[in-house]
């Protein structure tokens, strides 16, 4: 089934210069396995196509059940250069959580809510 990431994970983000840095965290090992499979550089790049102009890097952090996602060229030069009115990279985690992925209905958070 297709689900938005907010139903099965949580995230935090920040910024440094022209990079947005996102931590995507699973609540359990089964969900982490799905995140590792479904949250790919290509899918994240497509999701942020209007925002990120540089490469996307994803680093698995197995001991934390998390993915570190770095979006290069995502902040119009960073806080010192950007004319954007938002908090730059602080909002990127919320945008990522709206991305939809394929996930089995048996994931603990989905099974509990269904």
Protein backbone atom coordinates (compact mmCIF):
# COMPACT_ATOMS: atom_id res chain seq x y z
CA UNK A 1 0.00 0.00 0.00
CA UNK A 2 1.13 3.58 -0.61
CA UNK A 3 1.63 5.63 2.54
CA UNK A 4 3.12 9.02 3.29
CA UNK A 5 6.29 8.82 5.36
CA UNK A 6 4.69 10.71 8.25
CA UNK A 7 2.56 7.64 9.01
CA UNK A 8 5.57 5.39 9.66
CA UNK A 9 8.57 7.63 10.49
CA UNK A 10 9.64 10.95 11.93
CA UNK A 11 12.24 13.43 10.73
CA UNK A 12 14.36 16.45 11.67
CA UNK A 13 16.26 18.78 9.40
CA UNK A 14 18.62 21.69 9.34
CA UNK A 15 20.79 23.66 6.99
CA UNK A 16 24.39 24.59 6.39
CA UNK A 17 25.24 26.95 3.55
CA UNK A 18 23.43 25.61 0.46
CA UNK A 19 22.71 22.14 1.89
CA UNK A 20 19.65 20.76 3.62
CA UNK A 21 20.35 17.89 5.98
CA UNK A 22 17.51 15.55 6.98
CA UNK A 23 17.41 12.75 9.52
CA UNK A 24 14.63 10.24 8.75
CA UNK A 25 13.98 7.93 11.69
CA UNK A 26 12.08 4.64 11.83
CA UNK A 27 10.23 3.59 14.96
CA UNK A 28 11.24 -0.06 14.56
CA UNK A 29 13.54 -2.38 12.59
CA UNK A 30 10.85 -3.57 10.18
CA UNK A 31 10.03 -0.03 9.16
CA UNK A 32 13.72 0.84 8.83
CA UNK A 33 14.14 -1.98 6.32
CA UNK A 34 11.29 -0.53 4.25
CA UNK A 35 12.77 2.98 4.45
CA UNK A 36 16.16 1.71 3.27
CA UNK A 37 14.51 0.00 0.31
CA UNK A 38 12.00 2.69 -0.68
CA UNK A 39 13.65 6.03 0.15
CA UNK A 40 16.20 6.21 -2.66
CA UNK A 41 18.29 9.06 -4.06
CA UNK A 42 16.19 9.03 -7.21
CA UNK A 43 12.87 9.21 -5.37
CA UNK A 44 14.05 11.93 -2.99
CA UNK A 45 15.50 13.93 -5.90
CA UNK A 46 12.19 13.66 -7.77
CA UNK A 47 10.23 14.66 -4.65
CA UNK A 48 12.41 17.76 -4.17
CA UNK A 49 12.90 18.56 -7.88
CA UNK A 50 11.54 22.08 -7.47
CA UNK A 51 13.80 22.77 -4.48
CA UNK A 52 17.08 20.85 -4.75
CA UNK A 53 19.24 21.54 -7.78
CA UNK A 54 22.24 19.46 -6.73
CA UNK A 55 22.83 15.81 -5.99
CA UNK A 56 21.05 13.88 -3.23
CA UNK A 57 23.07 11.67 -0.91
CA UNK A 58 21.63 9.09 1.48
CA UNK A 59 23.62 7.51 4.29
CA UNK A 60 22.15 4.58 6.23
CA UNK A 61 22.65 4.78 10.00
CA UNK A 62 21.76 1.22 10.94
CA UNK A 63 22.51 1.59 14.65
CA UNK A 64 19.99 4.47 14.85
CA UNK A 65 17.38 2.99 12.48
CA UNK A 66 17.76 6.20 10.48
CA UNK A 67 18.72 7.61 7.10
CA UNK A 68 20.78 10.78 6.78
CA UNK A 69 19.71 12.59 3.62
CA UNK A 70 21.70 15.52 2.21
CA UNK A 71 20.21 17.77 -0.48
CA UNK A 72 22.87 19.87 -2.20
CA UNK A 73 21.93 23.09 -3.91
CA UNK A 74 18.65 23.21 -2.02
CA UNK A 75 18.75 26.54 -0.22
CA UNK A 76 19.37 29.16 -2.90
CA UNK A 77 22.88 29.77 -1.61
CA UNK A 78 22.08 29.53 2.08
CA UNK A 79 20.76 31.96 4.69
CA UNK A 80 23.19 34.75 3.84
CA UNK A 81 22.22 34.75 0.15
CA UNK A 82 18.63 33.55 -0.03
CA UNK A 83 15.59 35.79 -0.35
CA UNK A 84 13.31 33.00 0.87
CA UNK A 85 11.14 33.90 3.85
CA UNK A 86 11.01 30.46 5.48
CA UNK A 87 13.56 28.99 7.87
CA UNK A 88 15.46 27.40 4.99
CA UNK A 89 16.43 23.82 5.87
CA UNK A 90 14.36 23.66 9.06
CA UNK A 91 11.20 22.96 7.04
CA UNK A 92 12.60 20.34 4.68
CA UNK A 93 11.85 17.41 7.02
CA UNK A 94 8.14 18.21 6.93
CA UNK A 95 8.25 18.26 3.13
CA UNK A 96 10.00 14.87 3.05
CA UNK A 97 7.37 13.34 5.34
CA UNK A 98 4.75 14.06 2.67
CA UNK A 99 6.57 11.77 0.21
CA UNK A 100 4.67 8.51 -0.39
CA UNK A 101 6.27 5.07 -0.54
CA UNK A 102 5.13 1.46 -0.87
CA UNK A 103 4.89 -0.23 2.52
CA UNK A 104 3.34 -3.48 3.73
CA UNK A 105 0.20 -3.14 5.82
CA UNK A 106 1.88 -5.29 8.46
CA UNK A 107 4.26 -2.53 9.62
CA UNK A 108 3.60 -1.96 13.34
CA UNK A 109 2.38 1.66 13.03
CA UNK A 110 0.10 0.82 10.10
CA UNK A 111 -1.30 -2.32 11.70
CA UNK A 112 -2.01 -0.44 14.94
CA UNK A 113 -3.94 2.31 13.14
CA UNK A 114 -5.81 0.09 10.71
